[in-house]
């Protein structure tokens, strides 16, 4: 069975991604703040990604796929650092974090773009982070 961790798996998009994986027969765990239930059949792990140790409950387990649905680059970087050792593949899904500011109301596609997530890292650290990411992508049946 495929083991999938969805970060932010209880919101509009994350829950639909979780449902697709569940329909494909995967075992799905959703890590979220706990304001909403996980989709039926998925396990919910309550954690606030702004708090140190947010990934402790899901670290140490091998994940075939980690799907990160986030609009905050700091969350994505934290998840990649905390989970890459246990993830066969990580998929990051976002459009908001492509933009320089994530707190401007009514911003549209013409808003300034953010620097790449690796900005501010030394080249050696950037290469180490890239090397730590898991290789081959895969997706649920029919996706």
Foldseek 3Di string as FASTA:
>chain_A
DAEEEEEVLFDDVNLVQQVLCVVLVYAYEYEECPPGDRPPRHHYDHADLVDPCRCVVPPPAAHAEYEYEDLDLVSVVVCLVRHLQRYQAYHYDDDNNQACDNPDPPDDPVGHGHDPSCPPPDPVVVVVSVVSHHDDDDGGPPD
